[in-house]
Amino acid sequence: MAQRTALLDCKLAEMEKQYGLLYARTAAAQRQDAHQVRQTLRRLEEEMAKSDAMLAHSVARSHSPAVRALSEAQLHYCREMERLSATLEEQMHGGAQGKAEAAALYAEYALDFATQSARFALAAALRAIEVQKRMEETETENERTKETEEPHE
């Protein structure tokens, strides 16, 4: 269990770091001019492309059908969000204020989706911990049963 707990702790630390970056980059962008925001966005898009490539590689080499399906869902989500983002400009109507409102609404929904994804991640982590705890309890109970069944000399 310690190894699995350490893995979850590591993933949670990574998630915390990413949410910290999300907050910090968003706050910093609000103080920057449009050119600086565009540069930050380009760097982020490069990071996302690398992450997508790693995810695609994970899909290709996964032996577990469940892990493969989850990776495929993540990859599909990433590609769909990229597609929607690329067409956002075309979908916005009205003047500059209307476009800004539409972009803000899109960002709000993307953040809501991230929050929902965090809830799904929590549920998955809790299920994994529950299964591990039940297994440990069964092993402990089996050991106790063995000890009571062994003849004492």
N, C-alpha and C. Protein backbone atom coordinates (compact mmCIF):
# COMPACT_ATOMS: atom_id res chain seq x y z
N MET A 1 0.83 -1.20 0.00
CA MET A 1 0.00 0.00 0.00
C MET A 1 0.86 1.25 0.00
N ALA A 2 1.98 1.23 0.68
CA ALA A 2 2.84 2.41 0.79
C ALA A 2 3.27 2.90 -0.59
N GLN A 3 3.59 1.97 -1.48
CA GLN A 3 4.03 2.35 -2.82
C GLN A 3 2.89 3.02 -3.59
N ARG A 4 1.70 2.45 -3.49
CA ARG A 4 0.54 3.04 -4.19
C ARG A 4 0.17 4.39 -3.59
N THR A 5 0.24 4.50 -2.26
CA THR A 5 -0.05 5.76 -1.60
C THR A 5 0.96 6.82 -2.02
N ALA A 6 2.21 6.43 -2.13
CA ALA A 6 3.24 7.37 -2.57
C ALA A 6 2.97 7.84 -4.00
N LEU A 7 2.49 6.94 -4.85
CA LEU A 7 2.16 7.30 -6.22
C LEU A 7 1.01 8.31 -6.24
N LEU A 8 -0.03 8.07 -5.45
CA LEU A 8 -1.13 9.02 -5.37
C LEU A 8 -0.66 10.36 -4.82
N ASP A 9 0.20 10.32 -3.79
CA ASP A 9 0.74 11.56 -3.23
C ASP A 9 1.53 12.33 -4.28
N CYS A 10 2.31 11.61 -5.08
CA CYS A 10 3.09 12.24 -6.14
C CYS A 10 2.18 12.89 -7.17
N LYS A 11 1.14 12.17 -7.58
CA LYS A 11 0.19 12.72 -8.56
C LYS A 11 -0.55 13.92 -7.99
N LEU A 12 -0.92 13.86 -6.71
CA LEU A 12 -1.59 15.00 -6.09
C LEU A 12 -0.67 16.21 -6.00
N ALA A 13 0.59 15.99 -5.72
CA ALA A 13 1.56 17.10 -5.69
C ALA A 13 1.70 17.71 -7.08
N GLU A 14 1.72 16.87 -8.10
CA GLU A 14 1.80 17.34 -9.48
C GLU A 14 0.55 18.17 -9.83
N MET A 15 -0.60 17.68 -9.41
CA MET A 15 -1.86 18.38 -9.66
C MET A 15 -1.87 19.73 -8.95
N GLU A 16 -1.42 19.74 -7.71
CA GLU A 16 -1.35 20.98 -6.94
C GLU A 16 -0.44 21.99 -7.62
N LYS A 17 0.68 21.51 -8.13
CA LYS A 17 1.61 22.38 -8.85
C LYS A 17 0.95 22.96 -10.10
N GLN A 18 0.24 22.13 -10.84
CA GLN A 18 -0.42 22.60 -12.06
C GLN A 18 -1.51 23.62 -11.75
N TYR A 19 -2.28 23.39 -10.69
CA TYR A 19 -3.30 24.36 -10.31
C TYR A 19 -2.65 25.66 -9.83
N GLY A 20 -1.52 25.56 -9.15
CA GLY A 20 -0.77 26.76 -8.75
C GLY A 20 -0.32 27.54 -9.97
N LEU A 21 0.19 26.82 -10.98
CA LEU A 21 0.60 27.48 -12.22
C LEU A 21 -0.59 28.10 -12.94
N LEU A 22 -1.71 27.40 -12.96
CA LEU A 22 -2.93 27.93 -13.57
C LEU A 22 -3.29 29.27 -12.93
N TYR A 23 -3.31 29.28 -11.63
CA TYR A 23 -3.66 30.50 -10.92
C TYR A 23 -2.63 31.60 -11.17
N ALA A 24 -1.36 31.27 -11.02
CA ALA A 24 -0.30 32.27 -11.17
C ALA A 24 -0.24 32.83 -12.59
N ARG A 25 -0.34 31.96 -13.58
CA ARG A 25 -0.27 32.43 -14.97
C ARG A 25 -1.49 33.28 -15.32
N THR A 26 -2.66 32.89 -14.83
CA THR A 26 -3.86 33.66 -15.10
C THR A 26 -3.75 35.04 -14.45
N ALA A 27 -3.32 35.08 -13.20
CA ALA A 27 -3.16 36.36 -12.49
C ALA A 27 -2.12 37.23 -13.19
N ALA A 28 -1.01 36.64 -13.60
CA ALA A 28 0.04 37.41 -14.29
C ALA A 28 -0.46 37.94 -15.63
N ALA A 29 -1.20 37.12 -16.36
CA ALA A 29 -1.70 37.54 -17.67
C ALA A 29 -2.63 38.74 -17.56
N GLN A 30 -3.36 38.82 -16.47
CA GLN A 30 -4.27 39.94 -16.28
C GLN A 30 -3.53 41.26 -16.10
N ARG A 31 -2.25 41.20 -15.76
CA ARG A 31 -1.43 42.41 -15.59
C ARG A 31 -0.56 42.70 -16.81
N GLN A 32 -0.55 41.79 -17.80
CA GLN A 32 0.31 41.93 -18.97
C GLN A 32 -0.44 42.60 -20.12
N ASP A 33 0.35 43.05 -21.12
CA ASP A 33 -0.29 43.56 -22.33
C ASP A 33 -0.59 42.39 -23.26
N ALA A 34 -1.32 42.66 -24.34
CA ALA A 34 -1.78 41.60 -25.25
C ALA A 34 -0.62 40.80 -25.84
N HIS A 35 0.48 41.48 -26.18
CA HIS A 35 1.63 40.79 -26.77
C HIS A 35 2.24 39.80 -25.78
N GLN A 36 2.38 40.20 -24.54
CA GLN A 36 2.93 39.31 -23.51
C GLN A 36 2.01 38.11 -23.27
N VAL A 37 0.72 38.36 -23.27
CA VAL A 37 -0.24 37.27 -23.10
C VAL A 37 -0.12 36.29 -24.26
N ARG A 38 0.01 36.80 -25.47
CA ARG A 38 0.16 35.94 -26.66
C ARG A 38 1.41 35.08 -26.53
N GLN A 39 2.52 35.64 -26.05
CA GLN A 39 3.76 34.86 -25.86
C GLN A 39 3.56 33.77 -24.82
N THR A 40 2.89 34.10 -23.73
CA THR A 40 2.60 33.10 -22.70
C THR A 40 1.73 31.99 -23.27
N LEU A 41 0.75 32.38 -24.06
CA LEU A 41 -0.13 31.40 -24.69
C LEU A 41 0.64 30.48 -25.63
N ARG A 42 1.54 31.03 -26.40
CA ARG A 42 2.36 30.20 -27.32
C ARG A 42 3.20 29.18 -26.55
N ARG A 43 3.82 29.63 -25.45
CA ARG A 43 4.61 28.69 -24.64
C ARG A 43 3.72 27.59 -24.08
N LEU A 44 2.54 27.98 -23.62
CA LEU A 44 1.60 26.99 -23.08
C LEU A 44 1.18 26.01 -24.17
N GLU A 45 0.92 26.49 -25.36
CA GLU A 45 0.53 25.61 -26.47
C GLU A 45 1.64 24.62 -26.80
N GLU A 46 2.90 25.05 -26.69
CA GLU A 46 4.03 24.13 -26.90
C GLU A 46 4.04 23.05 -25.82
N GLU A 47 3.82 23.45 -24.57
CA GLU A 47 3.75 22.49 -23.47
C GLU A 47 2.62 21.49 -23.70
N MET A 48 1.48 22.00 -24.13
CA MET A 48 0.32 21.15 -24.37
C MET A 48 0.58 20.16 -25.52
N ALA A 49 1.27 20.61 -26.55
CA ALA A 49 1.59 19.72 -27.67
C ALA A 49 2.50 18.58 -27.21
N LYS A 50 3.45 18.89 -26.36
CA LYS A 50 4.33 17.85 -25.82
C LYS A 50 3.53 16.87 -24.96
N SER A 51 2.65 17.41 -24.15
CA SER A 51 1.81 16.56 -23.30
C SER A 51 0.91 15.67 -24.14
N ASP A 52 0.33 16.23 -25.21
CA ASP A 52 -0.53 15.44 -26.10
C ASP A 52 0.26 14.31 -26.76
N ALA A 53 1.50 14.61 -27.16
CA ALA A 53 2.35 13.58 -27.80
C ALA A 53 2.64 12.46 -26.81
N MET A 54 2.91 12.81 -25.55
CA MET A 54 3.16 11.79 -24.54
C MET A 54 1.91 10.96 -24.29
N LEU A 55 0.76 11.61 -24.30
CA LEU A 55 -0.50 10.90 -24.09
C LEU A 55 -0.79 9.96 -25.25
N ALA A 56 -0.55 10.40 -26.47
CA ALA A 56 -0.74 9.55 -27.65
C ALA A 56 0.18 8.33 -27.58
N HIS A 57 1.40 8.55 -27.12
CA HIS A 57 2.35 7.44 -26.96
C HIS A 57 1.84 6.47 -25.89
N SER A 58 1.27 7.01 -24.83
CA SER A 58 0.71 6.18 -23.76
C SER A 58 -0.43 5.31 -24.28
N VAL A 59 -1.28 5.89 -25.13
CA VAL A 59 -2.38 5.14 -25.73
C VAL A 59 -1.84 3.98 -26.55
N ALA A 60 -0.81 4.27 -27.34
CA ALA A 60 -0.26 3.27 -28.25
C ALA A 60 0.41 2.11 -27.52
N ARG A 61 1.00 2.37 -26.36
CA ARG A 61 1.78 1.31 -25.70
C ARG A 61 1.09 0.68 -24.50
N SER A 62 -0.10 1.13 -24.15
CA SER A 62 -0.78 0.60 -22.97
C SER A 62 -1.28 -0.82 -23.22
N HIS A 63 -1.03 -1.68 -22.23
CA HIS A 63 -1.50 -3.06 -22.31
C HIS A 63 -2.84 -3.24 -21.60
N SER A 64 -3.18 -2.31 -20.74
CA SER A 64 -4.43 -2.40 -19.99
C SER A 64 -5.55 -1.73 -20.78
N PRO A 65 -6.62 -2.47 -21.06
CA PRO A 65 -7.76 -1.86 -21.79
C PRO A 65 -8.34 -0.65 -21.05
N ALA A 66 -8.41 -0.71 -19.73
CA ALA A 66 -8.97 0.40 -18.95
C ALA A 66 -8.08 1.64 -19.05
N VAL A 67 -6.78 1.45 -18.92
CA VAL A 67 -5.84 2.57 -19.01
C VAL A 67 -5.84 3.14 -20.42
N ARG A 68 -5.88 2.25 -21.40
CA ARG A 68 -5.92 2.70 -22.80
C ARG A 68 -7.18 3.53 -23.06
N ALA A 69 -8.33 3.07 -22.56
CA ALA A 69 -9.59 3.79 -22.75
C ALA A 69 -9.54 5.16 -22.08
N LEU A 70 -8.99 5.23 -20.88
CA LEU A 70 -8.88 6.50 -20.19
C LEU A 70 -7.94 7.45 -20.93
N SER A 71 -6.82 6.93 -21.39
CA SER A 71 -5.87 7.75 -22.15
C SER A 71 -6.50 8.24 -23.45
N GLU A 72 -7.25 7.37 -24.11
CA GLU A 72 -7.94 7.77 -25.34
C GLU A 72 -8.97 8.87 -25.06
N ALA A 73 -9.67 8.76 -23.94
CA ALA A 73 -10.65 9.79 -23.58
C ALA A 73 -9.95 11.12 -23.32
N GLN A 74 -8.82 11.08 -22.64
CA GLN A 74 -8.06 12.31 -22.39
C GLN A 74 -7.58 12.91 -23.70
N LEU A 75 -7.06 12.08 -24.57
CA LEU A 75 -6.56 12.55 -25.85
C LEU A 75 -7.70 13.14 -26.68
N HIS A 76 -8.84 12.47 -26.67
CA HIS A 76 -10.02 12.98 -27.40
C HIS A 76 -10.43 14.34 -26.84
N TYR A 77 -10.45 14.45 -25.53
CA TYR A 77 -10.80 15.73 -24.90
C TYR A 77 -9.82 16.82 -25.31
N CYS A 78 -8.53 16.53 -25.27
CA CYS A 78 -7.52 17.52 -25.65
C CYS A 78 -7.72 17.98 -27.09
N ARG A 79 -7.92 17.05 -27.96
CA ARG A 79 -8.10 17.39 -29.38
C ARG A 79 -9.39 18.17 -29.60
N GLU A 80 -10.45 17.80 -28.91
CA GLU A 80 -11.72 18.50 -29.05
C GLU A 80 -11.60 19.94 -28.52
N MET A 81 -10.92 20.12 -27.41
CA MET A 81 -10.73 21.47 -26.87
C MET A 81 -9.87 22.32 -27.82
N GLU A 82 -8.86 21.72 -28.42
CA GLU A 82 -8.05 22.44 -29.40
C GLU A 82 -8.91 22.86 -30.60
N ARG A 83 -9.78 21.95 -31.04
CA ARG A 83 -10.65 22.26 -32.17
C ARG A 83 -11.60 23.40 -31.81
N LEU A 84 -12.21 23.32 -30.64
CA LEU A 84 -13.13 24.37 -30.22
C LEU A 84 -12.42 25.71 -30.05
N SER A 85 -11.23 25.65 -29.50
CA SER A 85 -10.46 26.88 -29.32
C SER A 85 -10.13 27.52 -30.66
N ALA A 86 -9.77 26.68 -31.63
CA ALA A 86 -9.42 27.20 -32.95
C ALA A 86 -10.62 27.83 -33.65
N THR A 87 -11.81 27.32 -33.39
CA THR A 87 -13.00 27.85 -34.05
C THR A 87 -13.71 28.91 -33.21
N LEU A 88 -13.21 29.18 -32.02
CA LEU A 88 -13.84 30.16 -31.14
C LEU A 88 -13.97 31.51 -31.82
N GLU A 89 -12.94 31.95 -32.46
CA GLU A 89 -12.95 33.26 -33.14
C GLU A 89 -14.07 33.33 -34.17
N GLU A 90 -14.27 32.24 -34.89
CA GLU A 90 -15.32 32.21 -35.91
C GLU A 90 -16.71 32.22 -35.29
N GLN A 91 -16.83 31.64 -34.11
CA GLN A 91 -18.13 31.51 -33.47
C GLN A 91 -18.57 32.77 -32.74
N MET A 92 -17.65 33.66 -32.48
CA MET A 92 -17.98 34.87 -31.74
C MET A 92 -18.60 35.90 -32.67
N HIS A 93 -19.68 36.51 -32.17
CA HIS A 93 -20.38 37.53 -32.96
C HIS A 93 -20.32 38.85 -32.22
N GLY A 94 -20.52 39.89 -32.94
CA GLY A 94 -20.56 41.21 -32.33
C GLY A 94 -19.19 41.86 -32.35
N GLY A 95 -19.12 42.97 -31.65
CA GLY A 95 -17.89 43.74 -31.60
C GLY A 95 -16.88 43.15 -30.64
N ALA A 96 -15.90 43.96 -30.29
CA ALA A 96 -14.82 43.53 -29.40
C ALA A 96 -15.36 43.09 -28.04
N GLN A 97 -16.35 43.81 -27.52
CA GLN A 97 -16.90 43.44 -26.22
C GLN A 97 -17.59 42.08 -26.29
N GLY A 98 -18.33 41.83 -27.36
CA GLY A 98 -19.00 40.54 -27.52
C GLY A 98 -18.00 39.41 -27.62
N LYS A 99 -16.90 39.63 -28.33
CA LYS A 99 -15.87 38.60 -28.45
C LYS A 99 -15.19 38.35 -27.10
N ALA A 100 -14.93 39.43 -26.37
CA ALA A 100 -14.30 39.28 -25.05
C ALA A 100 -15.22 38.50 -24.11
N GLU A 101 -16.51 38.78 -24.15
CA GLU A 101 -17.46 38.06 -23.30
C GLU A 101 -17.54 36.59 -23.69
N ALA A 102 -17.55 36.32 -24.99
CA ALA A 102 -17.60 34.92 -25.44
C ALA A 102 -16.34 34.17 -25.03
N ALA A 103 -15.19 34.82 -25.15
CA ALA A 103 -13.92 34.18 -24.75
C ALA A 103 -13.90 33.93 -23.25
N ALA A 104 -14.42 34.88 -22.46
CA ALA A 104 -14.46 34.71 -21.01
C ALA A 104 -15.40 33.58 -20.63
N LEU A 105 -16.54 33.49 -21.32
CA LEU A 105 -17.49 32.41 -21.06
C LEU A 105 -16.87 31.05 -21.38
N TYR A 106 -16.14 30.97 -22.51
CA TYR A 106 -15.44 29.74 -22.89
C TYR A 106 -14.44 29.35 -21.80
N ALA A 107 -13.68 30.34 -21.31
CA ALA A 107 -12.69 30.07 -20.26
C ALA A 107 -13.38 29.59 -18.98
N GLU A 108 -14.51 30.21 -18.66
CA GLU A 108 -15.25 29.81 -17.46
C GLU A 108 -15.70 28.35 -17.56
N TYR A 109 -16.23 27.96 -18.70
CA TYR A 109 -16.67 26.58 -18.88
C TYR A 109 -15.49 25.61 -18.87
N ALA A 110 -14.37 26.02 -19.44
CA ALA A 110 -13.17 25.17 -19.40
C ALA A 110 -12.71 24.97 -17.95
N LEU A 111 -12.77 26.02 -17.13
CA LEU A 111 -12.40 25.89 -15.72
C LEU A 111 -13.40 25.02 -14.97
N ASP A 112 -14.70 25.15 -15.30
CA ASP A 112 -15.71 24.28 -14.69
C ASP A 112 -15.43 22.82 -15.03
N PHE A 113 -15.04 22.57 -16.28
CA PHE A 113 -14.74 21.20 -16.70
C PHE A 113 -13.53 20.67 -15.93
N ALA A 114 -12.53 21.52 -15.73
CA ALA A 114 -11.35 21.11 -14.97
C ALA A 114 -11.73 20.75 -13.53
N THR A 115 -12.63 21.54 -12.96
CA THR A 115 -13.10 21.25 -11.60
C THR A 115 -13.83 19.92 -11.55
N GLN A 116 -14.67 19.68 -12.55
CA GLN A 116 -15.39 18.40 -12.61
C GLN A 116 -14.40 17.25 -12.80
N SER A 117 -13.39 17.46 -13.61
CA SER A 117 -12.36 16.43 -13.81
C SER A 117 -11.64 16.13 -12.50
N ALA A 118 -11.41 17.16 -11.70
CA ALA A 118 -10.77 16.95 -10.40
C ALA A 118 -11.66 16.09 -9.51
N ARG A 119 -12.97 16.29 -9.59
CA ARG A 119 -13.90 15.45 -8.81
C ARG A 119 -13.84 14.00 -9.26
N PHE A 120 -13.79 13.79 -10.58
CA PHE A 120 -13.66 12.42 -11.09
C PHE A 120 -12.35 11.79 -10.62
N ALA A 121 -11.29 12.60 -10.61
CA ALA A 121 -9.99 12.10 -10.15
C ALA A 121 -10.07 11.73 -8.67
N LEU A 122 -10.74 12.56 -7.87
CA LEU A 122 -10.91 12.25 -6.45
C LEU A 122 -11.68 10.95 -6.27
N ALA A 123 -12.76 10.78 -7.03
CA ALA A 123 -13.55 9.55 -6.93
C ALA A 123 -12.70 8.34 -7.30
N ALA A 124 -11.89 8.45 -8.34
CA ALA A 124 -11.03 7.34 -8.75
C ALA A 124 -10.00 7.04 -7.66
N ALA A 125 -9.43 8.08 -7.07
CA ALA A 125 -8.44 7.87 -6.00
C ALA A 125 -9.10 7.20 -4.79
N LEU A 126 -10.30 7.66 -4.42
CA LEU A 126 -11.00 7.06 -3.29
C LEU A 126 -11.34 5.60 -3.55
N ARG A 127 -11.75 5.29 -4.80
CA ARG A 127 -12.02 3.88 -5.13
C ARG A 127 -10.76 3.03 -5.01
N ALA A 128 -9.64 3.56 -5.51
CA ALA A 128 -8.38 2.82 -5.43
C ALA A 128 -7.96 2.60 -3.98
N ILE A 129 -8.11 3.62 -3.16
CA ILE A 129 -7.77 3.49 -1.74
C ILE A 129 -8.68 2.50 -1.05
N GLU A 130 -9.97 2.55 -1.37
CA GLU A 130 -10.92 1.61 -0.77
C GLU A 130 -10.57 0.17 -1.13
N VAL A 131 -10.29 -0.09 -2.40
CA VAL A 131 -9.92 -1.45 -2.83
C VAL A 131 -8.67 -1.91 -2.10
N GLN A 132 -7.68 -1.01 -2.02
CA GLN A 132 -6.43 -1.36 -1.34
C GLN A 132 -6.69 -1.66 0.13
N LYS A 133 -7.49 -0.83 0.79
CA LYS A 133 -7.80 -1.04 2.22
C LYS A 133 -8.55 -2.36 2.43
N ARG A 134 -9.49 -2.67 1.55
CA ARG A 134 -10.22 -3.95 1.68
C ARG A 134 -9.27 -5.13 1.50
N MET A 135 -8.35 -5.02 0.56
CA MET A 135 -7.38 -6.08 0.35
C MET A 135 -6.51 -6.26 1.60
N GLU A 136 -6.06 -5.15 2.17
CA GLU A 136 -5.24 -5.22 3.38
C GLU A 136 -6.03 -5.83 4.54
N GLU A 137 -7.29 -5.44 4.68
CA GLU A 137 -8.12 -5.98 5.74
C GLU A 137 -8.32 -7.48 5.57
N THR A 138 -8.52 -7.92 4.32
CA THR A 138 -8.68 -9.36 4.04
C THR A 138 -7.39 -10.10 4.36
N GLU A 139 -6.26 -9.53 3.97
CA GLU A 139 -4.97 -10.17 4.26
C GLU A 139 -4.75 -10.27 5.76
N THR A 140 -5.07 -9.21 6.50
CA THR A 140 -4.91 -9.21 7.95
C THR A 140 -5.82 -10.25 8.59
N GLU A 141 -7.05 -10.32 8.13
CA GLU A 141 -8.01 -11.30 8.64
C GLU A 141 -7.54 -12.72 8.33
N ASN A 142 -7.01 -12.95 7.14
CA ASN A 142 -6.49 -14.27 6.77
C ASN A 142 -5.32 -14.67 7.65
N GLU A 143 -4.45 -13.71 7.97
CA GLU A 143 -3.31 -13.99 8.84
C GLU A 143 -3.78 -14.35 10.25
N ARG A 144 -4.77 -13.64 10.73
CA ARG A 144 -5.31 -13.93 12.07
C ARG A 144 -5.95 -15.31 12.09
N THR A 145 -6.68 -15.63 11.04
CA THR A 145 -7.33 -16.95 10.94
C THR A 145 -6.28 -18.04 10.92
N LYS A 146 -5.21 -17.82 10.16
CA LYS A 146 -4.12 -18.81 10.09
C LYS A 146 -3.51 -19.03 11.45
N GLU A 147 -3.27 -17.94 12.18
CA GLU A 147 -2.64 -18.02 13.49
C GLU A 147 -3.50 -18.80 14.48
N THR A 148 -4.79 -18.61 14.41
CA THR A 148 -5.69 -19.31 15.35
C THR A 148 -5.87 -20.77 14.98
N GLU A 149 -5.67 -21.11 13.69
CA GLU A 149 -5.83 -22.49 13.24
C GLU A 149 -4.58 -23.32 13.45
N GLU A 150 -3.43 -22.66 13.60
CA GLU A 150 -2.17 -23.39 13.79
C GLU A 150 -2.18 -24.02 15.17
N PRO A 151 -1.74 -25.28 15.23
CA PRO A 151 -1.69 -25.95 16.56
C PRO A 151 -0.59 -25.33 17.42
N HIS A 152 -0.91 -25.15 18.67
CA HIS A 152 0.08 -24.62 19.62
C HIS A 152 0.76 -25.78 20.30
N GLU A 153 2.03 -25.64 20.47
CA GLU A 153 2.79 -26.72 21.13
C GLU A 153 3.10 -26.41 22.54
